[in-house]
C-alpha atoms as a PDB file:
ATOM      1  CA  UNK A   1     -24.614  81.061 122.963  1.00  0.00           C
ATOM      2  CA  UNK A   2     -25.484  77.549 121.825  1.00  0.00           C
ATOM      3  CA  UNK A   3     -28.636  76.863 119.811  1.00  0.00           C
ATOM      4  CA  UNK A   4     -30.975  74.184 121.196  1.00  0.00           C
ATOM      5  CA  UNK A   5     -30.775  70.783 119.527  1.00  0.00           C
ATOM      6  CA  UNK A   6     -33.433  70.117 116.909  1.00  0.00           C
ATOM      7  CA  UNK A   7     -35.625  67.074 117.514  1.00  0.00           C
ATOM      8  CA  UNK A   8     -36.804  66.857 113.901  1.00  0.00           C
ATOM      9  CA  UNK A   9     -40.413  66.607 115.108  1.00  0.00           C
ATOM     10  CA  UNK A  10     -42.901  68.491 112.955  1.00  0.00           C
ATOM     11  CA  UNK A  11     -46.358  69.381 114.220  1.00  0.00           C
ATOM     12  CA  UNK A  12     -48.893  70.846 111.811  1.00  0.00           C
ATOM     13  CA  UNK A  13     -52.130  72.648 112.639  1.00  0.00           C
ATOM     14  CA  UNK A  14     -54.439  73.806 109.847  1.00  0.00           C
ATOM     15  CA  UNK A  15     -57.569  75.886 110.213  1.00  0.00           C
ATOM     16  CA  UNK A  16     -60.511  74.579 108.196  1.00  0.00           C
ATOM     17  CA  UNK A  17     -61.847  77.734 106.460  1.00  0.00           C
ATOM     18  CA  UNK A  18     -65.468  78.586 107.158  1.00  0.00           C
ATOM     19  CA  UNK A  19     -65.426  76.699 110.465  1.00  0.00           C
ATOM     20  CA  UNK A  20     -64.009  77.002 113.968  1.00  0.00           C
ATOM     21  CA  UNK A  21     -62.279  73.636 113.523  1.00  0.00           C
ATOM     22  CA  UNK A  22     -58.536  73.025 113.676  1.00  0.00           C
ATOM     23  CA  UNK A  23     -57.009  69.930 112.072  1.00  0.00           C
ATOM     24  CA  UNK A  24     -53.740  68.791 113.596  1.00  0.00           C
ATOM     25  CA  UNK A  25     -51.181  66.279 112.394  1.00  0.00           C
ATOM     26  CA  UNK A  26     -48.578  64.975 114.853  1.00  0.00           C
ATOM     27  CA  UNK A  27     -45.031  64.110 113.836  1.00  0.00           C
ATOM     28  CA  UNK A  28     -46.063  60.429 114.143  1.00  0.00           C
ATOM     29  CA  UNK A  29     -48.774  60.877 111.499  1.00  0.00           C
ATOM     30  CA  UNK A  30     -51.776  60.733 113.851  1.00  0.00           C
ATOM     31  CA  UNK A  31     -54.520  63.259 113.121  1.00  0.00           C
ATOM     32  CA  UNK A  32     -56.954  65.069 115.399  1.00  0.00           C
ATOM     33  CA  UNK A  33     -59.564  67.825 115.124  1.00  0.00           C
ATOM     34  CA  UNK A  34     -60.583  70.324 117.788  1.00  0.00           C
ATOM     35  CA  UNK A  35     -62.195  73.745 118.087  1.00  0.00           C
ATOM     36  CA  UNK A  36     -60.009  74.780 121.017  1.00  0.00           C
ATOM     37  CA  UNK A  37     -56.366  75.582 120.155  1.00  0.00           C
ATOM     38  CA  UNK A  38     -55.244  74.748 123.709  1.00  0.00           C
ATOM     39  CA  UNK A  39     -56.869  71.300 123.492  1.00  0.00           C
ATOM     40  CA  UNK A  40     -55.164  70.759 120.121  1.00  0.00           C
ATOM     41  CA  UNK A  41     -51.692  71.514 121.488  1.00  0.00           C
ATOM     42  CA  UNK A  42     -52.302  69.464 124.627  1.00  0.00           C
ATOM     43  CA  UNK A  43     -53.190  66.493 122.385  1.00  0.00           C
ATOM     44  CA  UNK A  44     -50.080  67.006 120.251  1.00  0.00           C
ATOM     45  CA  UNK A  45     -47.704  67.379 123.164  1.00  0.00           C
ATOM     46  CA  UNK A  46     -49.187  64.309 124.911  1.00  0.00           C
ATOM     47  CA  UNK A  47     -47.651  62.070 122.180  1.00  0.00           C
ATOM     48  CA  UNK A  48     -47.988  59.065 122.075  1.00  0.00           C
ATOM     49  CA  UNK A  49     -51.008  59.138 124.422  1.00  0.00           C
ATOM     50  CA  UNK A  50     -54.219  59.245 122.370  1.00  0.00           C
ATOM     51  CA  UNK A  51     -52.383  59.052 119.056  1.00  0.00           C
ATOM     52  CA  UNK A  52     -53.729  56.418 116.700  1.00  0.00           C
ATOM     53  CA  UNK A  53     -52.808  56.278 113.049  1.00  0.00           C
ATOM     54  CA  UNK A  54     -55.731  55.971 110.667  1.00  0.00           C
ATOM     55  CA  UNK A  55     -56.077  52.578 109.036  1.00  0.00           C
ATOM     56  CA  UNK A  56     -53.922  50.721 111.578  1.00  0.00           C
ATOM     57  CA  UNK A  57     -56.806  49.373 113.620  1.00  0.00           C
ATOM     58  CA  UNK A  58     -55.357  50.814 116.828  1.00  0.00           C
END
């Protein structure tokens, strides 16, 4: 059995304690917040659509 190739892409989702808010960081560095975990993963997996790095003016 062969292991799948690693893409090196890291997605991070943190829960903001005391809230229902999730904070996600894409492998490209873009950040997003959402209350719905499904919406968060849809945003992440839609890369690069809707992904804008903070401070880049895009």
